[in-house]
Protein backbone atom coordinates (compact mmCIF):
# COMPACT_ATOMS: atom_id res chain seq x y z
CA MET A 1 4.33 -58.23 -92.18
CA VAL A 2 3.22 -61.33 -90.30
CA ASP A 3 1.49 -60.70 -86.98
CA TRP A 4 2.53 -63.84 -85.11
CA ASN A 5 -0.10 -63.15 -82.44
CA LYS A 6 -2.80 -63.95 -85.01
CA GLY A 7 -1.62 -67.42 -85.86
CA ASP A 8 -1.88 -70.72 -84.07
CA LYS A 9 1.48 -72.25 -83.15
CA GLU A 10 0.40 -75.84 -83.86
CA ASP A 11 -1.10 -74.95 -87.25
CA TYR A 12 2.07 -73.10 -88.18
CA LEU A 13 4.42 -75.88 -87.08
CA LEU A 14 2.40 -78.57 -88.85
CA ALA A 15 2.29 -76.49 -92.03
CA MET A 16 6.06 -75.93 -91.80
CA GLU A 17 6.66 -79.69 -91.51
CA ARG A 18 4.64 -80.32 -94.65
CA SER A 19 5.88 -77.29 -96.61
CA PRO A 20 8.79 -79.05 -98.39
CA ILE A 21 6.21 -81.34 -100.00
CA ARG A 22 3.31 -78.93 -100.40
CA ASP A 23 3.62 -75.23 -99.71
CA THR A 24 0.00 -74.15 -100.11
CA GLU A 25 -0.82 -74.83 -96.46
CA ILE A 26 2.00 -72.66 -95.07
CA LYS A 27 1.09 -69.91 -97.52
CA HIS A 28 -2.49 -70.00 -96.25
CA VAL A 29 -1.44 -69.94 -92.57
CA LEU A 30 0.88 -66.99 -93.17
CA LYS A 31 -1.62 -65.12 -95.32
CA GLN A 32 -4.18 -65.33 -92.50
CA ALA A 33 -1.67 -63.71 -90.13
CA LEU A 34 -0.64 -60.80 -92.36
CA THR A 35 -1.18 -57.29 -91.07
CA PRO A 36 -1.01 -53.95 -92.83
CA ASP A 37 0.22 -52.43 -89.54
CA THR A 38 3.86 -52.36 -90.68
CA ASP A 39 4.79 -49.18 -88.82
CA ASN A 40 3.73 -50.50 -85.41
CA ARG A 41 6.92 -51.24 -83.47
CA GLN A 42 5.05 -53.18 -80.78
CA VAL A 43 3.51 -55.56 -83.34
CA PHE A 44 6.95 -56.03 -84.91
CA MET A 45 8.68 -56.73 -81.57
CA LYS A 46 5.95 -59.13 -80.41
CA GLY A 47 6.27 -60.85 -83.77
CA LEU A 48 9.97 -61.40 -83.15
CA ASP A 49 9.24 -62.83 -79.71
CA ASN A 50 6.57 -65.17 -81.03
CA SER A 51 8.58 -66.35 -84.01
CA TYR A 52 11.49 -67.30 -81.74
CA TRP A 53 9.08 -68.86 -79.22
CA TYR A 54 7.64 -71.02 -82.01
CA GLY A 55 11.17 -72.28 -82.61
CA GLY A 56 11.70 -73.06 -78.92
CA TYR A 57 13.83 -70.03 -78.10
CA ASN A 58 12.31 -68.14 -75.20
CA LEU A 59 15.19 -67.21 -72.91
CA TYR A 60 14.94 -63.51 -73.80
CA ARG A 61 12.13 -61.18 -74.80
CA THR A 62 12.69 -58.17 -77.04
CA ALA A 63 11.21 -55.85 -74.39
CA ASP A 64 13.90 -56.98 -71.94
CA LEU A 65 16.70 -56.52 -74.46
CA VAL A 66 15.50 -53.09 -75.57
CA ALA A 67 15.24 -51.98 -71.92
CA GLN A 68 18.90 -52.90 -71.41
CA ASP A 69 19.96 -50.72 -74.36
CA SER A 70 18.29 -47.61 -72.96
C-alpha cells in the first residue's frame, strides 16, 4: 500500500507527467512511499485523502464522510 503522507506532491506530479515516456521515475517515487502497514485504517483513509488532494479534489475528507455514516 502507498502511504501518501510519505511522498512529496511535486515529485509525484512531475513523475506522473513523465511516466508515459519513462516509467522508472514514478516507480521509484511510489516505491519510496510503500508501507507494510496495510491493516491500518487511518493510514489507508489518509492515503485516500492525499491521493485526491494531489489531483485537486479536496472538498471532502474521508473522516468527515465516515462521521456522517455513523
